[in-house]
Amino acid sequence: MARMLQKDRCDYAVMNDHNAAAIFSNQVFCQNTIYQSPKPTNTVEMLFAMGTKMQPLKALINIQIKIFTESGKLEASLLNHSSNLTFPSSLKCIAVEP
């Protein structure tokens, strides 16, 4: 999708902010300025996936997630560990390893 957008074969690409940051910071695309629609095409909740071996810990994990969320630490963690990407954006180029 990113290559099609770059070559003017399409007018827009639908992807989440984190994927956009990862893709468009690549050396191939980082010279492009990226714009975000003011209206999202879709929203999804954050999900955690775990294997069946983790089932006995699920209740404990859910309690900890609730505590983490209600304390405000989840939002702080997301801001700290995410790209904090704002649009329009020209992303810093990241070299691609061969």
PDB file of N, CA and C in Angstrom:
ATOM      1  N   MET A   1       0.828  -1.195   0.000  1.00  0.00           N
ATOM      2  CA  MET A   1       0.000   0.000   0.000  1.00  0.00           C
ATOM      3  C   MET A   1       0.868   1.252   0.000  1.00  0.00           C
ATOM      4  N   ALA A   2       1.932   1.244   0.795  1.00  0.00           N
ATOM      5  CA  ALA A   2       2.786   2.427   0.880  1.00  0.00           C
ATOM      6  C   ALA A   2       3.456   2.721  -0.456  1.00  0.00           C
ATOM      7  N   ARG A   3       3.910   1.685  -1.144  1.00  0.00           N
ATOM      8  CA  ARG A   3       4.536   1.890  -2.457  1.00  0.00           C
ATOM      9  C   ARG A   3       3.513   2.429  -3.466  1.00  0.00           C
ATOM     10  N   MET A   4       2.310   1.920  -3.421  1.00  0.00           N
ATOM     11  CA  MET A   4       1.265   2.418  -4.328  1.00  0.00           C
ATOM     12  C   MET A   4       0.970   3.887  -4.041  1.00  0.00           C
ATOM     13  N   LEU A   5       0.914   4.244  -2.783  1.00  0.00           N
ATOM     14  CA  LEU A   5       0.658   5.627  -2.394  1.00  0.00           C
ATOM     15  C   LEU A   5       1.797   6.527  -2.865  1.00  0.00           C
ATOM     16  N   GLN A   6       3.014   6.078  -2.668  1.00  0.00           N
ATOM     17  CA  GLN A   6       4.182   6.852  -3.061  1.00  0.00           C
ATOM     18  C   GLN A   6       4.245   7.069  -4.577  1.00  0.00           C
ATOM     19  N   LYS A   7       3.796   6.087  -5.335  1.00  0.00           N
ATOM     20  CA  LYS A   7       3.847   6.168  -6.801  1.00  0.00           C
ATOM     21  C   LYS A   7       2.564   6.744  -7.399  1.00  0.00           C
ATOM     22  N   ASP A   8       1.706   7.322  -6.534  1.00  0.00           N
ATOM     23  CA  ASP A   8       0.439   7.923  -6.973  1.00  0.00           C
ATOM     24  C   ASP A   8      -0.480   6.932  -7.677  1.00  0.00           C
ATOM     25  N   ARG A   9      -0.426   5.683  -7.283  1.00  0.00           N
ATOM     26  CA  ARG A   9      -1.347   4.678  -7.824  1.00  0.00           C
ATOM     27  C   ARG A   9      -2.621   4.592  -7.000  1.00  0.00           C
ATOM     28  N   CYS A  10      -2.615   5.244  -5.847  1.00  0.00           N
ATOM     29  CA  CYS A  10      -3.825   5.356  -5.030  1.00  0.00           C
ATOM     30  C   CYS A  10      -3.755   6.693  -4.298  1.00  0.00           C
ATOM     31  N   ASP A  11      -4.881   7.124  -3.759  1.00  0.00           N
ATOM     32  CA  ASP A  11      -4.949   8.424  -3.096  1.00  0.00           C
ATOM     33  C   ASP A  11      -4.731   8.344  -1.591  1.00  0.00           C
ATOM     34  N   TYR A  12      -4.987   7.195  -1.004  1.00  0.00           N
ATOM     35  CA  TYR A  12      -4.800   7.046   0.436  1.00  0.00           C
ATOM     36  C   TYR A  12      -4.601   5.585   0.791  1.00  0.00           C
ATOM     37  N   ALA A  13      -4.047   5.360   1.978  1.00  0.00           N
ATOM     38  CA  ALA A  13      -3.854   4.010   2.512  1.00  0.00           C
ATOM     39  C   ALA A  13      -4.463   3.987   3.911  1.00  0.00           C
ATOM     40  N   VAL A  14      -5.099   2.899   4.248  1.00  0.00           N
ATOM     41  CA  VAL A  14      -5.713   2.756   5.565  1.00  0.00           C
ATOM     42  C   VAL A  14      -4.799   1.881   6.411  1.00  0.00           C
ATOM     43  N   MET A  15      -4.289   2.450   7.510  1.00  0.00           N
ATOM     44  CA  MET A  15      -3.444   1.703   8.442  1.00  0.00           C
ATOM     45  C   MET A  15      -3.468   2.411   9.787  1.00  0.00           C
ATOM     46  N   ASN A  16      -3.050   1.711  10.817  1.00  0.00           N
ATOM     47  CA  ASN A  16      -3.050   2.369  12.123  1.00  0.00           C
ATOM     48  C   ASN A  16      -1.807   3.245  12.267  1.00  0.00           C
ATOM     49  N   ASP A  17      -1.836   4.132  13.239  1.00  0.00           N
ATOM     50  CA  ASP A  17      -0.753   5.104  13.424  1.00  0.00           C
ATOM     51  C   ASP A  17       0.606   4.434  13.617  1.00  0.00           C
ATOM     52  N   HIS A  18       0.629   3.341  14.365  1.00  0.00           N
ATOM     53  CA  HIS A  18       1.896   2.675  14.662  1.00  0.00           C
ATOM     54  C   HIS A  18       2.475   2.014  13.418  1.00  0.00           C
ATOM     55  N   ASN A  19       1.624   1.376  12.615  1.00  0.00           N
ATOM     56  CA  ASN A  19       2.099   0.799  11.361  1.00  0.00           C
ATOM     57  C   ASN A  19       2.589   1.892  10.424  1.00  0.00           C
ATOM     58  N   ALA A  20       1.860   2.995  10.367  1.00  0.00           N
ATOM     59  CA  ALA A  20       2.265   4.107   9.512  1.00  0.00           C
ATOM     60  C   ALA A  20       3.641   4.620   9.933  1.00  0.00           C
ATOM     61  N   ALA A  21       3.858   4.772  11.229  1.00  0.00           N
ATOM     62  CA  ALA A  21       5.158   5.249  11.721  1.00  0.00           C
ATOM     63  C   ALA A  21       6.263   4.279  11.349  1.00  0.00           C
ATOM     64  N   ALA A  22       6.017   2.988  11.509  1.00  0.00           N
ATOM     65  CA  ALA A  22       7.037   1.987  11.182  1.00  0.00           C
ATOM     66  C   ALA A  22       7.335   1.961   9.688  1.00  0.00           C
ATOM     67  N   ILE A  23       6.313   2.001   8.880  1.00  0.00           N
ATOM     68  CA  ILE A  23       6.490   1.908   7.423  1.00  0.00           C
ATOM     69  C   ILE A  23       7.096   3.184   6.855  1.00  0.00           C
ATOM     70  N   PHE A  24       6.559   4.327   7.233  1.00  0.00           N
ATOM     71  CA  PHE A  24       6.979   5.569   6.606  1.00  0.00           C
ATOM     72  C   PHE A  24       8.263   6.147   7.194  1.00  0.00           C
ATOM     73  N   SER A  25       8.824   5.538   8.239  1.00  0.00           N
ATOM     74  CA  SER A  25      10.141   5.962   8.719  1.00  0.00           C
ATOM     75  C   SER A  25      11.248   5.185   8.011  1.00  0.00           C
ATOM     76  N   ASN A  26      10.877   4.156   7.241  1.00  0.00           N
ATOM     77  CA  ASN A  26      11.828   3.404   6.432  1.00  0.00           C
ATOM     78  C   ASN A  26      12.445   4.335   5.395  1.00  0.00           C
ATOM     79  N   GLN A  27      13.721   4.132   5.075  1.00  0.00           N
ATOM     80  CA  GLN A  27      14.424   4.998   4.121  1.00  0.00           C
ATOM     81  C   GLN A  27      13.696   5.145   2.790  1.00  0.00           C
ATOM     82  N   VAL A  28      12.977   4.134   2.381  1.00  0.00           N
ATOM     83  CA  VAL A  28      12.273   4.173   1.106  1.00  0.00           C
ATOM     84  C   VAL A  28      11.162   5.225   1.111  1.00  0.00           C
ATOM     85  N   PHE A  29      10.560   5.471   2.262  1.00  0.00           N
ATOM     86  CA  PHE A  29       9.383   6.335   2.339  1.00  0.00           C
ATOM     87  C   PHE A  29       9.558   7.597   3.173  1.00  0.00           C
ATOM     88  N   CYS A  30      10.647   7.724   3.913  1.00  0.00           N
ATOM     89  CA  CYS A  30      10.726   8.782   4.925  1.00  0.00           C
ATOM     90  C   CYS A  30      10.760  10.196   4.348  1.00  0.00           C
ATOM     91  N   GLN A  31      11.000  10.343   3.061  1.00  0.00           N
ATOM     92  CA  GLN A  31      10.993  11.677   2.460  1.00  0.00           C
ATOM     93  C   GLN A  31       9.563  12.172   2.214  1.00  0.00           C
ATOM     94  N   ASN A  32       8.587  11.290   2.339  1.00  0.00           N
ATOM     95  CA  ASN A  32       7.188  11.653   2.125  1.00  0.00           C
ATOM     96  C   ASN A  32       6.599  12.288   3.380  1.00  0.00           C
ATOM     97  N   THR A  33       5.748  13.296   3.194  1.00  0.00           N
ATOM     98  CA  THR A  33       4.995  13.862   4.310  1.00  0.00           C
ATOM     99  C   THR A  33       3.687  13.083   4.404  1.00  0.00           C
ATOM    100  N   ILE A  34       3.358  12.623   5.608  1.00  0.00           N
ATOM    101  CA  ILE A  34       2.189  11.779   5.833  1.00  0.00           C
ATOM    102  C   ILE A  34       1.099  12.624   6.500  1.00  0.00           C
ATOM    103  N   TYR A  35      -0.125  12.490   6.008  1.00  0.00           N
ATOM    104  CA  TYR A  35      -1.279  13.196   6.564  1.00  0.00           C
ATOM    105  C   TYR A  35      -2.270  12.170   7.105  1.00  0.00           C
ATOM    106  N   GLN A  36      -2.939  12.538   8.160  1.00  0.00           N
ATOM    107  CA  GLN A  36      -3.920  11.658   8.797  1.00  0.00           C
ATOM    108  C   GLN A  36      -5.309  12.230   8.575  1.00  0.00           C
ATOM    109  N   SER A  37      -6.248  11.361   8.281  1.00  0.00           N
ATOM    110  CA  SER A  37      -7.634  11.786   8.141  1.00  0.00           C
ATOM    111  C   SER A  37      -8.134  12.289   9.497  1.00  0.00           C
ATOM    112  N   PRO A  38      -8.912  13.365   9.510  1.00  0.00           N
ATOM    113  CA  PRO A  38      -9.465  13.836  10.779  1.00  0.00           C
ATOM    114  C   PRO A  38     -10.526  12.889  11.341  1.00  0.00           C
ATOM    115  N   LYS A  39     -11.006  11.979  10.499  1.00  0.00           N
ATOM    116  CA  LYS A  39     -12.034  11.031  10.930  1.00  0.00           C
ATOM    117  C   LYS A  39     -11.491   9.612  10.741  1.00  0.00           C
ATOM    118  N   PRO A  40     -11.316   8.854  11.820  1.00  0.00           N
ATOM    119  CA  PRO A  40     -10.802   7.488  11.671  1.00  0.00           C
ATOM    120  C   PRO A  40     -11.789   6.601  10.906  1.00  0.00           C
ATOM    121  N   THR A  41     -11.246   5.669  10.140  1.00  0.00           N
ATOM    122  CA  THR A  41     -12.096   4.738   9.409  1.00  0.00           C
ATOM    123  C   THR A  41     -12.654   3.666  10.345  1.00  0.00           C
ATOM    124  N   ASN A  42     -11.955   3.437  11.461  1.00  0.00           N
ATOM    125  CA  ASN A  42     -12.370   2.406  12.402  1.00  0.00           C
ATOM    126  C   ASN A  42     -11.584   2.579  13.692  1.00  0.00           C
ATOM    127  N   THR A  43     -12.119   2.117  14.789  1.00  0.00           N
ATOM    128  CA  THR A  43     -11.392   2.078  16.053  1.00  0.00           C
ATOM    129  C   THR A  43     -11.532   0.675  16.626  1.00  0.00           C
ATOM    130  N   VAL A  44     -10.501   0.233  17.305  1.00  0.00           N
ATOM    131  CA  VAL A  44     -10.521  -1.087  17.936  1.00  0.00           C
ATOM    132  C   VAL A  44      -9.962  -0.977  19.342  1.00  0.00           C
ATOM    133  N   GLU A  45     -10.410  -1.847  20.208  1.00  0.00           N
ATOM    134  CA  GLU A  45      -9.888  -1.888  21.563  1.00  0.00           C
ATOM    135  C   GLU A  45      -8.540  -2.589  21.565  1.00  0.00           C
ATOM    136  N   MET A  46      -7.725  -2.267  22.572  1.00  0.00           N
ATOM    137  CA  MET A  46      -6.464  -2.956  22.728  1.00  0.00           C
ATOM    138  C   MET A  46      -6.734  -4.353  23.291  1.00  0.00           C
ATOM    139  N   LEU A  47      -6.108  -5.345  22.699  1.00  0.00           N
ATOM    140  CA  LEU A  47      -6.299  -6.731  23.129  1.00  0.00           C
ATOM    141  C   LEU A  47      -4.974  -7.357  23.511  1.00  0.00           C
ATOM    142  N   PHE A  48      -5.024  -8.294  24.416  1.00  0.00           N
ATOM    143  CA  PHE A  48      -3.864  -9.093  24.784  1.00  0.00           C
ATOM    144  C   PHE A  48      -4.149 -10.527  24.382  1.00  0.00           C
ATOM    145  N   ALA A  49      -3.200 -11.166  23.752  1.00  0.00           N
ATOM    146  CA  ALA A  49      -3.351 -12.567  23.365  1.00  0.00           C
ATOM    147  C   ALA A  49      -2.366 -13.398  24.165  1.00  0.00           C
ATOM    148  N   MET A  50      -2.817 -14.549  24.606  1.00  0.00           N
ATOM    149  CA  MET A  50      -1.943 -15.441  25.371  1.00  0.00           C
ATOM    150  C   MET A  50      -2.262 -16.878  25.022  1.00  0.00           C
ATOM    151  N   GLY A  51      -1.272 -17.709  25.187  1.00  0.00           N
ATOM    152  CA  GLY A  51      -1.444 -19.126  24.906  1.00  0.00           C
ATOM    153  C   GLY A  51      -2.280 -19.814  25.973  1.00  0.00           C
ATOM    154  N   THR A  52      -2.725 -21.008  25.663  1.00  0.00           N
ATOM    155  CA  THR A  52      -3.586 -21.755  26.597  1.00  0.00           C
ATOM    156  C   THR A  52      -2.873 -22.086  27.898  1.00  0.00           C
ATOM    157  N   LYS A  53      -1.555 -22.164  27.881  1.00  0.00           N
ATOM    158  CA  LYS A  53      -0.803 -22.450  29.109  1.00  0.00           C
ATOM    159  C   LYS A  53      -0.919 -21.316  30.124  1.00  0.00           C
ATOM    160  N   MET A  54      -1.293 -20.126  29.654  1.00  0.00           N
ATOM    161  CA  MET A  54      -1.439 -18.972  30.537  1.00  0.00           C
ATOM    162  C   MET A  54      -2.830 -18.887  31.176  1.00  0.00           C
ATOM    163  N   GLN A  55      -3.742 -19.747  30.774  1.00  0.00           N
ATOM    164  CA  GLN A  55      -5.123 -19.705  31.260  1.00  0.00           C
ATOM    165  C   GLN A  55      -5.223 -19.633  32.786  1.00  0.00           C
ATOM    166  N   PRO A  56      -4.413 -20.412  33.539  1.00  0.00           N
ATOM    167  CA  PRO A  56      -4.526 -20.315  35.006  1.00  0.00           C
ATOM    168  C   PRO A  56      -4.194 -18.922  35.560  1.00  0.00           C
ATOM    169  N   LEU A  57      -3.436 -18.132  34.823  1.00  0.00           N
ATOM    170  CA  LEU A  57      -3.054 -16.799  35.287  1.00  0.00           C
ATOM    171  C   LEU A  57      -3.966 -15.692  34.754  1.00  0.00           C
ATOM    172  N   LYS A  58      -4.927 -16.038  33.925  1.00  0.00           N
ATOM    173  CA  LYS A  58      -5.764 -15.040  33.267  1.00  0.00           C
ATOM    174  C   LYS A  58      -6.461 -14.117  34.258  1.00  0.00           C
ATOM    175  N   ALA A  59      -7.056 -14.648  35.299  1.00  0.00           N
ATOM    176  CA  ALA A  59      -7.769 -13.817  36.276  1.00  0.00           C
ATOM    177  C   ALA A  59      -6.811 -12.835  36.953  1.00  0.00           C
ATOM    178  N   LEU A  60      -5.633 -13.303  37.327  1.00  0.00           N
ATOM    179  CA  LEU A  60      -4.645 -12.441  37.965  1.00  0.00           C
ATOM    180  C   LEU A  60      -4.172 -11.348  37.000  1.00  0.00           C
ATOM    181  N   ILE A  61      -3.934 -11.734  35.758  1.00  0.00           N
ATOM    182  CA  ILE A  61      -3.511 -10.756  34.746  1.00  0.00           C
ATOM    183  C   ILE A  61      -4.599  -9.706  34.539  1.00  0.00           C
ATOM    184  N   ASN A  62      -5.851 -10.129  34.463  1.00  0.00           N
ATOM    185  CA  ASN A  62      -6.959  -9.182  34.292  1.00  0.00           C
ATOM    186  C   ASN A  62      -7.038  -8.184  35.451  1.00  0.00           C
ATOM    187  N   ILE A  63      -6.807  -8.668  36.662  1.00  0.00           N
ATOM    188  CA  ILE A  63      -6.816  -7.779  37.844  1.00  0.00           C
ATOM    189  C   ILE A  63      -5.692  -6.750  37.725  1.00  0.00           C
ATOM    190  N   GLN A  64      -4.509  -7.208  37.354  1.00  0.00           N
ATOM    191  CA  GLN A  64      -3.374  -6.297  37.229  1.00  0.00           C
ATOM    192  C   GLN A  64      -3.585  -5.273  36.109  1.00  0.00           C
ATOM    193  N   ILE A  65      -4.174  -5.710  35.015  1.00  0.00           N
ATOM    194  CA  ILE A  65      -4.471  -4.788  33.910  1.00  0.00           C
ATOM    195  C   ILE A  65      -5.466  -3.726  34.376  1.00  0.00           C
ATOM    196  N   LYS A  66      -6.474  -4.133  35.125  1.00  0.00           N
ATOM    197  CA  LYS A  66      -7.469  -3.186  35.633  1.00  0.00           C
ATOM    198  C   LYS A  66      -6.813  -2.162  36.561  1.00  0.00           C
ATOM    199  N   ILE A  67      -5.964  -2.618  37.466  1.00  0.00           N
ATOM    200  CA  ILE A  67      -5.258  -1.719  38.389  1.00  0.00           C
ATOM    201  C   ILE A  67      -4.373  -0.755  37.598  1.00  0.00           C
ATOM    202  N   PHE A  68      -3.641  -1.279  36.637  1.00  0.00           N
ATOM    203  CA  PHE A  68      -2.733  -0.498  35.803  1.00  0.00           C
ATOM    204  C   PHE A  68      -3.499   0.571  35.028  1.00  0.00           C
ATOM    205  N   THR A  69      -4.646   0.192  34.482  1.00  0.00           N
ATOM    206  CA  THR A  69      -5.465   1.121  33.700  1.00  0.00           C
ATOM    207  C   THR A  69      -6.074   2.205  34.585  1.00  0.00           C
ATOM    208  N   GLU A  70      -6.675   1.795  35.688  1.00  0.00           N
ATOM    209  CA  GLU A  70      -7.358   2.743  36.573  1.00  0.00           C
ATOM    210  C   GLU A  70      -6.401   3.706  37.249  1.00  0.00           C
ATOM    211  N   SER A  71      -5.142   3.326  37.402  1.00  0.00           N
ATOM    212  CA  SER A  71      -4.154   4.204  38.035  1.00  0.00           C
ATOM    213  C   SER A  71      -3.640   5.282  37.085  1.00  0.00           C
ATOM    214  N   GLY A  72      -3.957   5.138  35.789  1.00  0.00           N
ATOM    215  CA  GLY A  72      -3.448   6.081  34.800  1.00  0.00           C
ATOM    216  C   GLY A  72      -2.088   5.682  34.243  1.00  0.00           C
ATOM    217  N   LYS A  73      -1.528   4.618  34.767  1.00  0.00           N
ATOM    218  CA  LYS A  73      -0.201   4.188  34.317  1.00  0.00           C
ATOM    219  C   LYS A  73      -0.222   3.593  32.914  1.00  0.00           C
ATOM    220  N   LEU A  74      -1.357   3.033  32.497  1.00  0.00           N
ATOM    221  CA  LEU A  74      -1.441   2.480  31.143  1.00  0.00           C
ATOM    222  C   LEU A  74      -1.263   3.590  30.118  1.00  0.00           C
ATOM    223  N   GLU A  75      -2.008   4.671  30.287  1.00  0.00           N
ATOM    224  CA  GLU A  75      -1.910   5.797  29.350  1.00  0.00           C
ATOM    225  C   GLU A  75      -0.500   6.381  29.345  1.00  0.00           C
ATOM    226  N   ALA A  76       0.104   6.515  30.528  1.00  0.00           N
ATOM    227  CA  ALA A  76       1.472   7.039  30.621  1.00  0.00           C
ATOM    228  C   ALA A  76       2.458   6.105  29.921  1.00  0.00           C
ATOM    229  N   SER A  77       2.260   4.815  30.078  1.00  0.00           N
ATOM    230  CA  SER A  77       3.137   3.840  29.434  1.00  0.00           C
ATOM    231  C   SER A  77       3.008   3.888  27.918  1.00  0.00           C
ATOM    232  N   LEU A  78       1.778   3.999  27.429  1.00  0.00           N
ATOM    233  CA  LEU A  78       1.565   4.095  25.987  1.00  0.00           C
ATOM    234  C   LEU A  78       2.239   5.339  25.420  1.00  0.00           C
ATOM    235  N   LEU A  79       2.126   6.443  26.113  1.00  0.00           N
ATOM    236  CA  LEU A  79       2.770   7.669  25.643  1.00  0.00           C
ATOM    237  C   LEU A  79       4.287   7.541  25.646  1.00  0.00           C
ATOM    238  N   ASN A  80       4.810   6.847  26.647  1.00  0.00           N
ATOM    239  CA  ASN A  80       6.262   6.671  26.763  1.00  0.00           C
ATOM    240  C   ASN A  80       6.816   5.713  25.715  1.00  0.00           C
ATOM    241  N   HIS A  81       6.093   4.634  25.433  1.00  0.00           N
ATOM    242  CA  HIS A  81       6.627   3.574  24.575  1.00  0.00           C
ATOM    243  C   HIS A  81       6.135   3.614  23.137  1.00  0.00           C
ATOM    244  N   SER A  82       5.164   4.451  22.843  1.00  0.00           N
ATOM    245  CA  SER A  82       4.672   4.512  21.468  1.00  0.00           C
ATOM    246  C   SER A  82       5.409   5.612  20.718  1.00  0.00           C
ATOM    247  N   SER A  83       5.140   5.705  19.448  1.00  0.00           N
ATOM    248  CA  SER A  83       5.849   6.660  18.600  1.00  0.00           C
ATOM    249  C   SER A  83       5.442   8.110  18.857  1.00  0.00           C
ATOM    250  N   ASN A  84       4.318   8.326  19.540  1.00  0.00           N
ATOM    251  CA  ASN A  84       3.780   9.673  19.745  1.00  0.00           C
ATOM    252  C   ASN A  84       3.690  10.433  18.430  1.00  0.00           C
ATOM    253  N   LEU A  85       3.337   9.726  17.409  1.00  0.00           N
ATOM    254  CA  LEU A  85       3.263  10.269  16.065  1.00  0.00           C
ATOM    255  C   LEU A  85       2.131  11.275  15.956  1.00  0.00           C
ATOM    256  N   THR A  86       2.422  12.432  15.409  1.00  0.00           N
ATOM    257  CA  THR A  86       1.393  13.421  15.126  1.00  0.00           C
ATOM    258  C   THR A  86       1.445  13.740  13.644  1.00  0.00           C
ATOM    259  N   PHE A  87       0.328  14.077  13.084  1.00  0.00           N
ATOM    260  CA  PHE A  87       0.224  14.320  11.650  1.00  0.00           C
ATOM    261  C   PHE A  87      -0.142  15.764  11.387  1.00  0.00           C
ATOM    262  N   PRO A  88       0.241  16.383  10.249  1.00  0.00           N
ATOM    263  CA  PRO A  88       1.099  15.788   9.219  1.00  0.00           C
ATOM    264  C   PRO A  88       2.500  15.584   9.750  1.00  0.00           C
ATOM    265  N   SER A  89       3.189  14.625   9.207  1.00  0.00           N
ATOM    266  CA  SER A  89       4.492  14.283   9.732  1.00  0.00           C
ATOM    267  C   SER A  89       5.443  13.882   8.623  1.00  0.00           C
ATOM    268  N   SER A  90       6.664  14.330   8.730  1.00  0.00           N
ATOM    269  CA  SER A  90       7.772  13.807   7.943  1.00  0.00           C
ATOM    270  C   SER A  90       8.634  13.077   8.958  1.00  0.00           C
ATOM    271  N   LEU A  91       8.710  11.784   8.837  1.00  0.00           N
ATOM    272  CA  LEU A  91       9.376  10.974   9.838  1.00  0.00           C
ATOM    273  C   LEU A  91      10.878  10.928   9.619  1.00  0.00           C
ATOM    274  N   LYS A  92      11.609  10.764  10.711  1.00  0.00           N
ATOM    275  CA  LYS A  92      13.057  10.617  10.643  1.00  0.00           C
ATOM    276  C   LYS A  92      13.378   9.292   9.975  1.00  0.00           C
ATOM    277  N   CYS A  93      14.304   9.318   9.028  1.00  0.00           N
ATOM    278  CA  CYS A  93      14.658   8.110   8.299  1.00  0.00           C
ATOM    279  C   CYS A  93      15.370   7.098   9.189  1.00  0.00           C
ATOM    280  N   ILE A  94      14.978   5.858   9.069  1.00  0.00           N
ATOM    281  CA  ILE A  94      15.627   4.759   9.761  1.00  0.00           C
ATOM    282  C   ILE A  94      16.226   3.853   8.697  1.00  0.00           C
ATOM    283  N   ALA A  95      17.522   3.596   8.808  1.00  0.00           N
ATOM    284  CA  ALA A  95      18.205   2.756   7.813  1.00  0.00           C
ATOM    285  C   ALA A  95      17.678   1.339   7.853  1.00  0.00           C
ATOM    286  N   VAL A  96      17.546   0.745   6.690  1.00  0.00           N
ATOM    287  CA  VAL A  96      17.084  -0.624   6.559  1.00  0.00           C
ATOM    288  C   VAL A  96      18.299  -1.522   6.490  1.00  0.00           C
ATOM    289  N   GLU A  97      18.316  -2.559   7.327  1.00  0.00           N
ATOM    290  CA  GLU A  97      19.428  -3.495   7.282  1.00  0.00           C
ATOM    291  C   GLU A  97      19.246  -4.459   6.124  1.00  0.00           C
ATOM    292  N   PRO A  98      20.348  -4.774   5.416  1.00  0.00           N
ATOM    293  CA  PRO A  98      20.241  -5.688   4.249  1.00  0.00           C
ATOM    294  C   PRO A  98      19.842  -7.087   4.627  1.00  0.00           C
TER     295      PRO A  98
END
